[in-house]
C-alpha atoms as a PDB file:
ATOM      1  CA  MET A   1       0.129  -3.936  -4.178  1.00  0.00           C
ATOM      2  CA  SER A   2      -2.753  -1.668  -6.462  1.00  0.00           C
ATOM      3  CA  ILE A   3      -6.828  -1.423  -7.499  1.00  0.00           C
ATOM      4  CA  VAL A   4      -6.412  -0.800 -10.939  1.00  0.00           C
ATOM      5  CA  ILE A   5      -9.191   0.490 -12.980  1.00  0.00           C
ATOM      6  CA  THR A   6      -9.240   0.419 -16.695  1.00  0.00           C
ATOM      7  CA  GLY A   7     -11.103   0.663 -20.400  1.00  0.00           C
ATOM      8  CA  ASN A   8     -11.937   2.058 -22.632  1.00  0.00           C
ATOM      9  CA  PRO A   9     -11.884   5.921 -23.183  1.00  0.00           C
ATOM     10  CA  GLY A  10     -15.254   7.084 -22.214  1.00  0.00           C
ATOM     11  CA  VAL A  11     -16.149   4.331 -19.701  1.00  0.00           C
ATOM     12  CA  GLY A  12     -16.153   6.703 -16.933  1.00  0.00           C
ATOM     13  CA  LYS A  13     -12.438   5.294 -15.300  1.00  0.00           C
ATOM     14  CA  HIS A  14     -12.404   8.790 -14.060  1.00  0.00           C
ATOM     15  CA  THR A  15     -15.339   8.941 -12.195  1.00  0.00           C
ATOM     16  CA  ILE A  16     -15.402   5.596 -11.004  1.00  0.00           C
ATOM     17  CA  ALA A  17     -11.497   6.112  -9.698  1.00  0.00           C
ATOM     18  CA  ASN A  18     -12.249   9.706  -7.536  1.00  0.00           C
ATOM     19  CA  GLU A  19     -15.226   7.532  -6.237  1.00  0.00           C
ATOM     20  CA  ILE A  20     -13.913   5.154  -4.559  1.00  0.00           C
ATOM     21  CA  ALA A  21     -10.173   7.130  -3.607  1.00  0.00           C
ATOM     22  CA  LYS A  22     -13.144   9.146  -1.549  1.00  0.00           C
ATOM     23  CA  ARG A  23     -14.656   6.596  -0.001  1.00  0.00           C
ATOM     24  CA  LEU A  24     -11.926   3.914   0.319  1.00  0.00           C
ATOM     25  CA  GLU A  25      -8.824   6.839   0.720  1.00  0.00           C
ATOM     26  CA  LEU A  26      -6.791   5.742  -1.802  1.00  0.00           C
ATOM     27  CA  GLN A  27      -4.770   7.941  -3.560  1.00  0.00           C
ATOM     28  CA  ILE A  28      -4.630   7.806  -7.462  1.00  0.00           C
ATOM     29  CA  LEU A  29      -2.118   7.139  -9.140  1.00  0.00           C
ATOM     30  CA  ASP A  30      -3.415   9.239 -12.293  1.00  0.00           C
ATOM     31  CA  ILE A  31      -1.303   7.077 -15.710  1.00  0.00           C
ATOM     32  CA  ASN A  32      -2.311   9.433 -17.896  1.00  0.00           C
ATOM     33  CA  ASN A  33      -1.000  12.420 -16.125  1.00  0.00           C
ATOM     34  CA  ILE A  34       2.013   9.836 -15.586  1.00  0.00           C
ATOM     35  CA  ALA A  35       2.884   9.437 -19.108  1.00  0.00           C
ATOM     36  CA  LYS A  36       1.788  13.302 -19.255  1.00  0.00           C
ATOM     37  CA  ASP A  37       3.847  14.806 -17.053  1.00  0.00           C
ATOM     38  CA  SER A  38       7.451  12.794 -18.632  1.00  0.00           C
ATOM     39  CA  GLY A  39       6.953  13.781 -21.475  1.00  0.00           C
ATOM     40  CA  LEU A  40       5.895  10.206 -23.673  1.00  0.00           C
ATOM     41  CA  PHE A  41       2.941  11.172 -24.739  1.00  0.00           C
ATOM     42  CA  GLU A  42       4.023  11.619 -29.044  1.00  0.00           C
ATOM     43  CA  ARG A  43       1.363  13.802 -31.062  1.00  0.00           C
ATOM     44  CA  ASN A  44       0.445  11.597 -34.448  1.00  0.00           C
ATOM     45  CA  GLU A  45      -2.692  12.396 -36.546  1.00  0.00           C
ATOM     46  CA  ASP A  46      -5.905  12.891 -33.673  1.00  0.00           C
ATOM     47  CA  THR A  47      -4.341  10.609 -31.388  1.00  0.00           C
ATOM     48  CA  ASN A  48      -1.469   9.866 -28.904  1.00  0.00           C
ATOM     49  CA  ASP A  49       0.874   7.067 -29.036  1.00  0.00           C
ATOM     50  CA  VAL A  50       2.993   6.647 -25.585  1.00  0.00           C
ATOM     51  CA  ASP A  51       6.241   4.656 -25.574  1.00  0.00           C
ATOM     52  CA  THR A  52       4.759   2.201 -22.809  1.00  0.00           C
ATOM     53  CA  THR A  53       7.791   0.608 -22.219  1.00  0.00           C
ATOM     54  CA  LYS A  54       9.353   4.044 -20.800  1.00  0.00           C
ATOM     55  CA  LEU A  55       5.905   4.731 -19.257  1.00  0.00           C
ATOM     56  CA  LYS A  56       5.952   1.088 -17.185  1.00  0.00           C
ATOM     57  CA  LYS A  57       9.597   2.258 -15.428  1.00  0.00           C
ATOM     58  CA  ILE A  58       8.306   5.316 -14.513  1.00  0.00           C
ATOM     59  CA  ILE A  59       5.234   3.968 -12.841  1.00  0.00           C
ATOM     60  CA  ASN A  60       7.480   1.389 -11.136  1.00  0.00           C
ATOM     61  CA  ASN A  61       8.813   3.991  -9.362  1.00  0.00           C
ATOM     62  CA  LYS A  62       5.608   5.255  -8.156  1.00  0.00           C
ATOM     63  CA  ILE A  63       2.635   2.532  -7.157  1.00  0.00           C
ATOM     64  CA  SER A  64       2.427   1.787  -3.620  1.00  0.00           C
ATOM     65  CA  LYS A  65       0.700  -0.201  -1.864  1.00  0.00           C
ATOM     66  CA  SER A  66      -2.153   1.566  -1.579  1.00  0.00           C
ATOM     67  CA  THR A  67      -2.678   2.717  -4.560  1.00  0.00           C
ATOM     68  CA  LEU A  68      -5.534   3.375  -7.066  1.00  0.00           C
ATOM     69  CA  VAL A  69      -4.205   3.451 -10.282  1.00  0.00           C
ATOM     70  CA  VAL A  70      -5.678   4.833 -12.902  1.00  0.00           C
ATOM     71  CA  GLY A  71      -5.978   4.822 -17.072  1.00  0.00           C
ATOM     72  CA  HIS A  72      -6.909   2.551 -19.853  1.00  0.00           C
ATOM     73  CA  LEU A  73      -2.528   1.520 -20.091  1.00  0.00           C
ATOM     74  CA  ALA A  74      -2.881  -0.277 -16.947  1.00  0.00           C
ATOM     75  CA  PRO A  75      -2.819  -4.555 -19.122  1.00  0.00           C
ATOM     76  CA  TYR A  76       0.738  -2.359 -20.642  1.00  0.00           C
ATOM     77  CA  VAL A  77       2.149  -0.803 -18.144  1.00  0.00           C
ATOM     78  CA  LEU A  78       1.672  -2.809 -15.051  1.00  0.00           C
ATOM     79  CA  SER A  79       3.238  -6.198 -13.696  1.00  0.00           C
ATOM     80  CA  SER A  80       1.187  -8.717 -11.634  1.00  0.00           C
ATOM     81  CA  GLU A  81       2.976  -8.212  -8.870  1.00  0.00           C
ATOM     82  CA  GLN A  82       1.275  -5.258  -8.915  1.00  0.00           C
ATOM     83  CA  ILE A  83      -2.155  -6.107  -8.572  1.00  0.00           C
ATOM     84  CA  LYS A  84      -4.255  -7.087  -6.021  1.00  0.00           C
ATOM     85  CA  LYS A  85      -7.015  -6.917  -8.277  1.00  0.00           C
ATOM     86  CA  MET A  86      -8.251  -4.712 -12.054  1.00  0.00           C
ATOM     87  CA  ILE A  87     -11.491  -3.346 -12.365  1.00  0.00           C
ATOM     88  CA  VAL A  88     -12.228  -3.481 -16.545  1.00  0.00           C
ATOM     89  CA  LEU A  89     -15.370  -1.033 -17.153  1.00  0.00           C
ATOM     90  CA  ARG A  90     -16.778  -1.770 -20.310  1.00  0.00           C
ATOM     91  CA  ARG A  91     -19.410   0.821 -22.352  1.00  0.00           C
ATOM     92  CA  ASN A  92     -21.731  -0.396 -24.820  1.00  0.00           C
ATOM     93  CA  PRO A  93     -20.085   0.990 -28.152  1.00  0.00           C
ATOM     94  CA  TYR A  94     -23.281   2.924 -28.589  1.00  0.00           C
ATOM     95  CA  ASP A  95     -23.431   4.598 -25.835  1.00  0.00           C
ATOM     96  CA  LEU A  96     -19.657   5.504 -26.753  1.00  0.00           C
ATOM     97  CA  ILE A  97     -20.936   7.157 -29.451  1.00  0.00           C
ATOM     98  CA  SER A  98     -22.188  10.204 -28.089  1.00  0.00           C
ATOM     99  CA  VAL A  99     -19.582  10.042 -25.112  1.00  0.00           C
ATOM    100  CA  TYR A 100     -16.680  10.508 -28.208  1.00  0.00           C
ATOM    101  CA  LYS A 101     -19.454  13.380 -30.449  1.00  0.00           C
ATOM    102  CA  LYS A 102     -19.323  15.120 -26.933  1.00  0.00           C
ATOM    103  CA  ARG A 103     -15.397  14.721 -27.508  1.00  0.00           C
ATOM    104  CA  GLU A 104     -14.680  16.147 -30.449  1.00  0.00           C
ATOM    105  CA  TYR A 105     -13.420  12.797 -32.145  1.00  0.00           C
ATOM    106  CA  SER A 106     -12.795  12.489 -35.669  1.00  0.00           C
ATOM    107  CA  ASN A 107     -14.337  10.112 -36.822  1.00  0.00           C
ATOM    108  CA  GLU A 108     -11.779   7.717 -37.038  1.00  0.00           C
ATOM    109  CA  LYS A 109     -11.298   7.981 -33.552  1.00  0.00           C
ATOM    110  CA  THR A 110     -14.544   7.606 -33.111  1.00  0.00           C
ATOM    111  CA  ARG A 111     -14.263   3.667 -34.776  1.00  0.00           C
ATOM    112  CA  GLU A 112     -10.980   3.790 -33.154  1.00  0.00           C
ATOM    113  CA  ASN A 113     -12.489   2.606 -29.994  1.00  0.00           C
ATOM    114  CA  THR A 114     -15.843   1.484 -30.090  1.00  0.00           C
ATOM    115  CA  GLY A 115     -14.458  -0.589 -32.311  1.00  0.00           C
ATOM    116  CA  SER A 116     -11.512  -1.843 -29.596  1.00  0.00           C
ATOM    117  CA  GLU A 117     -14.622  -1.984 -26.988  1.00  0.00           C
ATOM    118  CA  ILE A 118     -16.391  -3.965 -29.025  1.00  0.00           C
ATOM    119  CA  LEU A 119     -14.260  -6.420 -29.471  1.00  0.00           C
ATOM    120  CA  GLY A 120     -12.592  -6.108 -25.601  1.00  0.00           C
ATOM    121  CA  ILE A 121      -9.457  -5.177 -26.708  1.00  0.00           C
ATOM    122  CA  ILE A 122      -8.389  -4.256 -22.804  1.00  0.00           C
ATOM    123  CA  ALA A 123      -9.907  -6.961 -21.110  1.00  0.00           C
ATOM    124  CA  HIS A 124      -8.976  -9.537 -23.447  1.00  0.00           C
ATOM    125  CA  ASP A 125      -5.573  -8.442 -23.157  1.00  0.00           C
ATOM    126  CA  ALA A 126      -5.759  -7.688 -19.382  1.00  0.00           C
ATOM    127  CA  ILE A 127      -7.363 -11.467 -18.642  1.00  0.00           C
ATOM    128  CA  ASN A 128      -3.829 -12.703 -20.733  1.00  0.00           C
ATOM    129  CA  GLN A 129      -2.593 -10.816 -18.572  1.00  0.00           C
ATOM    130  CA  PHE A 130      -3.867 -10.706 -15.028  1.00  0.00           C
ATOM    131  CA  GLY A 131      -5.960 -14.036 -15.706  1.00  0.00           C
ATOM    132  CA  THR A 132      -8.056 -13.851 -12.428  1.00  0.00           C
ATOM    133  CA  LYS A 133      -6.929 -10.726 -10.840  1.00  0.00           C
ATOM    134  CA  VAL A 134      -9.673  -8.842 -13.671  1.00  0.00           C
ATOM    135  CA  PHE A 135     -13.381  -8.542 -13.502  1.00  0.00           C
ATOM    136  CA  GLN A 136     -15.246  -6.351 -15.819  1.00  0.00           C
ATOM    137  CA  VAL A 137     -18.158  -4.368 -15.237  1.00  0.00           C
ATOM    138  CA  ASP A 138     -20.944  -3.152 -17.504  1.00  0.00           C
ATOM    139  CA  VAL A 139     -20.858   0.867 -16.020  1.00  0.00           C
ATOM    140  CA  THR A 140     -24.150   0.716 -19.254  1.00  0.00           C
ATOM    141  CA  ALA A 141     -27.332   2.613 -17.734  1.00  0.00           C
ATOM    142  CA  ARG A 142     -25.999   2.816 -14.469  1.00  0.00           C
ATOM    143  CA  SER A 143     -25.260   5.503 -11.566  1.00  0.00           C
ATOM    144  CA  VAL A 144     -21.877   6.266 -10.426  1.00  0.00           C
ATOM    145  CA  LEU A 145     -23.569   5.361  -7.252  1.00  0.00           C
ATOM    146  CA  GLU A 146     -24.067   2.312  -8.486  1.00  0.00           C
ATOM    147  CA  VAL A 147     -20.886   1.255 -10.722  1.00  0.00           C
ATOM    148  CA  THR A 148     -18.601   2.796  -7.787  1.00  0.00           C
ATOM    149  CA  ASP A 149     -21.070  -0.070  -4.955  1.00  0.00           C
ATOM    150  CA  LYS A 150     -20.195  -3.133  -7.194  1.00  0.00           C
ATOM    151  CA  VAL A 151     -16.308  -2.329  -7.915  1.00  0.00           C
ATOM    152  CA  ILE A 152     -16.157  -2.010  -3.769  1.00  0.00           C
ATOM    153  CA  SER A 153     -17.897  -4.982  -4.180  1.00  0.00           C
ATOM    154  CA  ILE A 154     -15.812  -6.658  -6.041  1.00  0.00           C
ATOM    155  CA  ILE A 155     -12.296  -5.006  -4.431  1.00  0.00           C
ATOM    156  CA  ASN A 156     -13.775  -6.490  -1.145  1.00  0.00           C
ATOM    157  CA  GLY A 157     -14.500 -10.063  -2.252  1.00  0.00           C
ATOM    158  CA  GLY A 158     -18.448  -9.709  -2.204  1.00  0.00           C
ATOM    159  CA  ASP A 159     -18.666 -10.121  -6.592  1.00  0.00           C
ATOM    160  CA  SER A 160     -18.257 -11.328  -9.719  1.00  0.00           C
ATOM    161  CA  SER A 161     -17.449 -10.712 -12.930  1.00  0.00           C
ATOM    162  CA  GLU A 162     -19.565 -10.261 -15.706  1.00  0.00           C
ATOM    163  CA  ASP A 163     -18.960 -11.599 -18.383  1.00  0.00           C
ATOM    164  CA  ILE A 164     -19.672  -8.545 -21.870  1.00  0.00           C
ATOM    165  CA  ASP A 165     -20.052  -9.110 -25.470  1.00  0.00           C
ATOM    166  CA  TRP A 166     -20.433  -6.013 -27.449  1.00  0.00           C
ATOM    167  CA  LEU A 167     -19.460  -8.109 -30.374  1.00  0.00           C
ATOM    168  CA  ASP A 168     -22.830  -9.930 -30.312  1.00  0.00           C
ATOM    169  CA  LEU A 169     -25.240  -6.874 -29.524  1.00  0.00           C
ATOM    170  CA  VAL A 170     -23.341  -4.770 -32.913  1.00  0.00           C
ATOM    171  CA  ALA A 171     -23.924  -8.573 -34.974  1.00  0.00           C
ATOM    172  CA  LYS A 172     -27.313  -8.674 -33.726  1.00  0.00           C
ATOM    173  CA  HIS A 173     -28.140  -5.063 -34.892  1.00  0.00           C
ATOM    174  CA  ASP A 174     -25.989  -5.748 -38.613  1.00  0.00           C
ATOM    175  CA  ASP A 175     -23.814  -2.422 -37.775  1.00  0.00           C
ATOM    176  CA  LEU A 176     -20.252  -4.158 -38.239  1.00  0.00           C
ATOM    177  CA  LYS A 177     -19.752  -2.073 -40.838  1.00  0.00           C
ATOM    178  CA  LYS A 178     -20.560   1.286 -38.867  1.00  0.00           C
ATOM    179  CA  PHE A 179     -17.951   0.599 -36.313  1.00  0.00           C
ATOM    180  CA  PHE A 180     -15.275  -0.559 -38.331  1.00  0.00           C
ATOM    181  CA  ALA A 181     -13.971   0.067 -41.523  1.00  0.00           C
ATOM    182  CA  TYR A 182     -13.022  -2.795 -43.880  1.00  0.00           C
END
């Protein structure tokens, strides 16, 4: 069974996965690279859509016991039997705005991704699919070393999931219109 690192774009999945892979001597299986190499990205305006049914079949043939799987699509292309633990990295949506500006995301793409983080879409979907195998980690204001240590502690059974609620934070700042077009 594999360890999985997932979360919205910009939360640090690949950075943390690389550190964990080094420490635990695991091979990384990057879901986005597999989708790209398999020609499964479909360009729509400023987003890339992926056929998750086809991707799931391809990944099923590539996953092994000692693999560290990384990618935001993990909850949608993996089965419970394939994973030991799934770590959902979460990041303050106000911090994500600056990440997306550096990546030159459009306003719509920024709003879509920050909205997903605020609502905890990936965390929610992961918990629905994998239950107690899912652990959330808030990466906000933590160094790569601190996050890596936390994730390794979870992998080893020595730490628990964090309770993360960005919706409450955004509502307190009266910023719902900043993140959601309604």
